[in-house]
Amino acid sequence: MFDSGHRGEHKSLTDAENKKLFGPCNQKHGHNYKGEKTDKKILGYGHPCCGN
């Protein structure tokens, strides 16, 4: 398991445009990720807010 934090934004947009485009993901927030190790790769499970 690992944790990650980010904010959904595009630097070329205004604050209002970013808020409209990214909604709640425009605020700084974090995610906790779980994974399953297989013989080929790690399967990750992201956060439903933005699919990450």
PDB file of N, CA and C in Angstrom:
ATOM      1  N   MET A   1       0.842  -1.165   0.000  1.00  0.00           N
ATOM      2  CA  MET A   1       0.000   0.000   0.000  1.00  0.00           C
ATOM      3  C   MET A   1       0.893   1.235   0.000  1.00  0.00           C
ATOM      4  N   PHE A   2       0.443   2.283  -0.695  1.00  0.00           N
ATOM      5  CA  PHE A   2       1.155   3.549  -0.634  1.00  0.00           C
ATOM      6  C   PHE A   2       0.164   4.692  -0.717  1.00  0.00           C
ATOM      7  N   ASP A   3       0.580   5.859  -0.280  1.00  0.00           N
ATOM      8  CA  ASP A   3      -0.251   7.053  -0.278  1.00  0.00           C
ATOM      9  C   ASP A   3       0.290   8.053  -1.280  1.00  0.00           C
ATOM     10  N   SER A   4      -0.600   8.858  -1.832  1.00  0.00           N
ATOM     11  CA  SER A   4      -0.202   9.880  -2.788  1.00  0.00           C
ATOM     12  C   SER A   4      -1.139  11.070  -2.642  1.00  0.00           C
ATOM     13  N   GLY A   5      -0.625  12.275  -2.875  1.00  0.00           N
ATOM     14  CA  GLY A   5      -1.447  13.474  -2.821  1.00  0.00           C
ATOM     15  C   GLY A   5      -1.270  14.301  -4.080  1.00  0.00           C
ATOM     16  N   HIS A   6      -2.338  15.012  -4.462  1.00  0.00           N
ATOM     17  CA  HIS A   6      -2.264  15.858  -5.646  1.00  0.00           C
ATOM     18  C   HIS A   6      -3.447  16.819  -5.671  1.00  0.00           C
ATOM     19  N   ARG A   7      -3.482  17.654  -6.667  1.00  0.00           N
ATOM     20  CA  ARG A   7      -4.589  18.580  -6.889  1.00  0.00           C
ATOM     21  C   ARG A   7      -4.863  18.595  -8.380  1.00  0.00           C
ATOM     22  N   GLY A   8      -6.118  18.402  -8.765  1.00  0.00           N
ATOM     23  CA  GLY A   8      -6.486  18.454 -10.175  1.00  0.00           C
ATOM     24  C   GLY A   8      -6.522  19.898 -10.648  1.00  0.00           C
ATOM     25  N   GLU A   9      -5.612  20.245 -11.521  1.00  0.00           N
ATOM     26  CA  GLU A   9      -5.597  21.606 -12.059  1.00  0.00           C
ATOM     27  C   GLU A   9      -4.803  21.637 -13.355  1.00  0.00           C
ATOM     28  N   HIS A  10      -5.103  22.630 -14.170  1.00  0.00           N
ATOM     29  CA  HIS A  10      -4.335  22.873 -15.388  1.00  0.00           C
ATOM     30  C   HIS A  10      -3.848  24.308 -15.291  1.00  0.00           C
ATOM     31  N   LYS A  11      -2.556  24.502 -15.358  1.00  0.00           N
ATOM     32  CA  LYS A  11      -1.952  25.819 -15.099  1.00  0.00           C
ATOM     33  C   LYS A  11      -2.434  26.923 -16.048  1.00  0.00           C
ATOM     34  N   SER A  12      -2.918  26.552 -17.238  1.00  0.00           N
ATOM     35  CA  SER A  12      -3.356  27.578 -18.186  1.00  0.00           C
ATOM     36  C   SER A  12      -4.788  28.056 -17.920  1.00  0.00           C
ATOM     37  N   LEU A  13      -5.493  27.425 -16.980  1.00  0.00           N
ATOM     38  CA  LEU A  13      -6.872  27.803 -16.673  1.00  0.00           C
ATOM     39  C   LEU A  13      -6.926  28.692 -15.437  1.00  0.00           C
ATOM     40  N   THR A  14      -8.004  29.460 -15.333  1.00  0.00           N
ATOM     41  CA  THR A  14      -8.216  30.285 -14.143  1.00  0.00           C
ATOM     42  C   THR A  14      -8.665  29.390 -12.984  1.00  0.00           C
ATOM     43  N   ASP A  15      -8.669  29.955 -11.775  1.00  0.00           N
ATOM     44  CA  ASP A  15      -9.141  29.194 -10.617  1.00  0.00           C
ATOM     45  C   ASP A  15     -10.583  28.734 -10.820  1.00  0.00           C
ATOM     46  N   ALA A  16     -11.435  29.617 -11.343  1.00  0.00           N
ATOM     47  CA  ALA A  16     -12.843  29.265 -11.570  1.00  0.00           C
ATOM     48  C   ALA A  16     -12.979  28.155 -12.613  1.00  0.00           C
ATOM     49  N   GLU A  17     -12.199  28.224 -13.690  1.00  0.00           N
ATOM     50  CA  GLU A  17     -12.249  27.185 -14.727  1.00  0.00           C
ATOM     51  C   GLU A  17     -11.771  25.839 -14.184  1.00  0.00           C
ATOM     52  N   ASN A  18     -10.698  25.858 -13.389  1.00  0.00           N
ATOM     53  CA  ASN A  18     -10.204  24.626 -12.781  1.00  0.00           C
ATOM     54  C   ASN A  18     -11.241  24.023 -11.841  1.00  0.00           C
ATOM     55  N   LYS A  19     -11.895  24.862 -11.039  1.00  0.00           N
ATOM     56  CA  LYS A  19     -12.912  24.364 -10.112  1.00  0.00           C
ATOM     57  C   LYS A  19     -14.067  23.728 -10.877  1.00  0.00           C
ATOM     58  N   LYS A  20     -14.482  24.357 -11.977  1.00  0.00           N
ATOM     59  CA  LYS A  20     -15.577  23.813 -12.788  1.00  0.00           C
ATOM     60  C   LYS A  20     -15.171  22.496 -13.449  1.00  0.00           C
ATOM     61  N   LEU A  21     -13.959  22.430 -13.972  1.00  0.00           N
ATOM     62  CA  LEU A  21     -13.490  21.240 -14.685  1.00  0.00           C
ATOM     63  C   LEU A  21     -13.217  20.064 -13.749  1.00  0.00           C
ATOM     64  N   PHE A  22     -12.525  20.317 -12.636  1.00  0.00           N
ATOM     65  CA  PHE A  22     -12.085  19.238 -11.756  1.00  0.00           C
ATOM     66  C   PHE A  22     -12.983  19.008 -10.545  1.00  0.00           C
ATOM     67  N   GLY A  23     -13.913  19.932 -10.277  1.00  0.00           N
ATOM     68  CA  GLY A  23     -14.828  19.755  -9.145  1.00  0.00           C
ATOM     69  C   GLY A  23     -14.072  19.559  -7.843  1.00  0.00           C
ATOM     70  N   PRO A  24     -14.478  18.561  -7.032  1.00  0.00           N
ATOM     71  CA  PRO A  24     -13.831  18.364  -5.731  1.00  0.00           C
ATOM     72  C   PRO A  24     -12.360  17.970  -5.836  1.00  0.00           C
ATOM     73  N   CYS A  25     -11.943  17.453  -6.970  1.00  0.00           N
ATOM     74  CA  CYS A  25     -10.532  17.075  -7.135  1.00  0.00           C
ATOM     75  C   CYS A  25      -9.636  18.293  -7.337  1.00  0.00           C
ATOM     76  N   ASN A  26     -10.226  19.485  -7.455  1.00  0.00           N
ATOM     77  CA  ASN A  26      -9.437  20.704  -7.588  1.00  0.00           C
ATOM     78  C   ASN A  26      -8.797  21.098  -6.259  1.00  0.00           C
ATOM     79  N   GLN A  27      -9.302  20.575  -5.151  1.00  0.00           N
ATOM     80  CA  GLN A  27      -8.714  20.828  -3.838  1.00  0.00           C
ATOM     81  C   GLN A  27      -7.598  19.821  -3.588  1.00  0.00           C
ATOM     82  N   LYS A  28      -6.568  20.248  -2.855  1.00  0.00           N
ATOM     83  CA  LYS A  28      -5.498  19.304  -2.505  1.00  0.00           C
ATOM     84  C   LYS A  28      -6.110  18.158  -1.710  1.00  0.00           C
ATOM     85  N   HIS A  29      -5.772  16.942  -2.111  1.00  0.00           N
ATOM     86  CA  HIS A  29      -6.298  15.765  -1.434  1.00  0.00           C
ATOM     87  C   HIS A  29      -5.366  14.587  -1.660  1.00  0.00           C
ATOM     88  N   GLY A  30      -5.575  13.536  -0.906  1.00  0.00           N
ATOM     89  CA  GLY A  30      -4.716  12.361  -1.007  1.00  0.00           C
ATOM     90  C   GLY A  30      -5.510  11.102  -1.280  1.00  0.00           C
ATOM     91  N   HIS A  31      -4.796  10.082  -1.675  1.00  0.00           N
ATOM     92  CA  HIS A  31      -5.383   8.774  -1.951  1.00  0.00           C
ATOM     93  C   HIS A  31      -4.529   7.701  -1.294  1.00  0.00           C
ATOM     94  N   ASN A  32      -5.169   6.638  -0.886  1.00  0.00           N
ATOM     95  CA  ASN A  32      -4.481   5.444  -0.391  1.00  0.00           C
ATOM     96  C   ASN A  32      -4.677   4.362  -1.439  1.00  0.00           C
ATOM     97  N   TYR A  33      -3.607   3.730  -1.837  1.00  0.00           N
ATOM     98  CA  TYR A  33      -3.663   2.710  -2.880  1.00  0.00           C
ATOM     99  C   TYR A  33      -3.317   1.340  -2.317  1.00  0.00           C
ATOM    100  N   LYS A  34      -4.078   0.356  -2.743  1.00  0.00           N
ATOM    101  CA  LYS A  34      -3.777  -1.036  -2.426  1.00  0.00           C
ATOM    102  C   LYS A  34      -3.409  -1.713  -3.734  1.00  0.00           C
ATOM    103  N   GLY A  35      -2.692  -2.780  -3.663  1.00  0.00           N
ATOM    104  CA  GLY A  35      -2.341  -3.498  -4.881  1.00  0.00           C
ATOM    105  C   GLY A  35      -2.214  -4.983  -4.624  1.00  0.00           C
ATOM    106  N   GLU A  36      -2.326  -5.734  -5.680  1.00  0.00           N
ATOM    107  CA  GLU A  36      -2.117  -7.176  -5.613  1.00  0.00           C
ATOM    108  C   GLU A  36      -0.943  -7.516  -6.504  1.00  0.00           C
ATOM    109  N   LYS A  37       0.001  -8.224  -5.961  1.00  0.00           N
ATOM    110  CA  LYS A  37       1.148  -8.636  -6.758  1.00  0.00           C
ATOM    111  C   LYS A  37       0.800  -9.937  -7.477  1.00  0.00           C
ATOM    112  N   THR A  38       1.019  -9.946  -8.774  1.00  0.00           N
ATOM    113  CA  THR A  38       0.843 -11.161  -9.562  1.00  0.00           C
ATOM    114  C   THR A  38       2.194 -11.525 -10.151  1.00  0.00           C
ATOM    115  N   ASP A  39       2.245 -12.575 -10.937  1.00  0.00           N
ATOM    116  CA  ASP A  39       3.517 -12.946 -11.550  1.00  0.00           C
ATOM    117  C   ASP A  39       3.902 -12.006 -12.687  1.00  0.00           C
ATOM    118  N   LYS A  40       2.982 -11.141 -13.134  1.00  0.00           N
ATOM    119  CA  LYS A  40       3.284 -10.270 -14.270  1.00  0.00           C
ATOM    120  C   LYS A  40       3.333  -8.793 -13.920  1.00  0.00           C
ATOM    121  N   LYS A  41       2.437  -8.334 -13.051  1.00  0.00           N
ATOM    122  CA  LYS A  41       2.394  -6.905 -12.749  1.00  0.00           C
ATOM    123  C   LYS A  41       1.653  -6.674 -11.445  1.00  0.00           C
ATOM    124  N   ILE A  42       1.620  -5.433 -11.022  1.00  0.00           N
ATOM    125  CA  ILE A  42       0.859  -5.069  -9.836  1.00  0.00           C
ATOM    126  C   ILE A  42      -0.449  -4.459 -10.303  1.00  0.00           C
ATOM    127  N   LEU A  43      -1.555  -4.994  -9.814  1.00  0.00           N
ATOM    128  CA  LEU A  43      -2.871  -4.478 -10.153  1.00  0.00           C
ATOM    129  C   LEU A  43      -3.254  -3.446  -9.107  1.00  0.00           C
ATOM    130  N   GLY A  44      -3.464  -2.204  -9.514  1.00  0.00           N
ATOM    131  CA  GLY A  44      -3.779  -1.146  -8.565  1.00  0.00           C
ATOM    132  C   GLY A  44      -5.257  -0.843  -8.516  1.00  0.00           C
ATOM    133  N   TYR A  45      -5.676  -0.306  -7.393  1.00  0.00           N
ATOM    134  CA  TYR A  45      -7.057   0.094  -7.201  1.00  0.00           C
ATOM    135  C   TYR A  45      -7.055   1.576  -6.857  1.00  0.00           C
ATOM    136  N   GLY A  46      -7.564   2.404  -7.732  1.00  0.00           N
ATOM    137  CA  GLY A  46      -7.512   3.851  -7.556  1.00  0.00           C
ATOM    138  C   GLY A  46      -8.707   4.413  -6.812  1.00  0.00           C
ATOM    139  N   HIS A  47      -8.721   5.696  -6.703  1.00  0.00           N
ATOM    140  CA  HIS A  47      -9.766   6.432  -6.015  1.00  0.00           C
ATOM    141  C   HIS A  47     -10.849   6.807  -7.016  1.00  0.00           C
ATOM    142  N   PRO A  48     -12.147   6.651  -6.671  1.00  0.00           N
ATOM    143  CA  PRO A  48     -13.217   6.932  -7.628  1.00  0.00           C
ATOM    144  C   PRO A  48     -13.345   8.401  -8.008  1.00  0.00           C
ATOM    145  N   CYS A  49     -12.806   9.312  -7.210  1.00  0.00           N
ATOM    146  CA  CYS A  49     -12.918  10.743  -7.495  1.00  0.00           C
ATOM    147  C   CYS A  49     -12.366  11.089  -8.866  1.00  0.00           C
ATOM    148  N   CYS A  50     -11.198  10.606  -9.158  1.00  0.00           N
ATOM    149  CA  CYS A  50     -10.577  10.947 -10.434  1.00  0.00           C
ATOM    150  C   CYS A  50      -9.908   9.756 -11.105  1.00  0.00           C
ATOM    151  N   GLY A  51     -10.150   8.562 -10.609  1.00  0.00           N
ATOM    152  CA  GLY A  51      -9.632   7.369 -11.262  1.00  0.00           C
ATOM    153  C   GLY A  51      -8.165   7.090 -11.049  1.00  0.00           C
ATOM    154  N   ASN A  52      -7.526   7.865 -10.191  1.00  0.00           N
ATOM    155  CA  ASN A  52      -6.092   7.675  -9.937  1.00  0.00           C
ATOM    156  C   ASN A  52      -5.865   6.751  -8.775  1.00  0.00           C
TER     157      ASN A  52
END
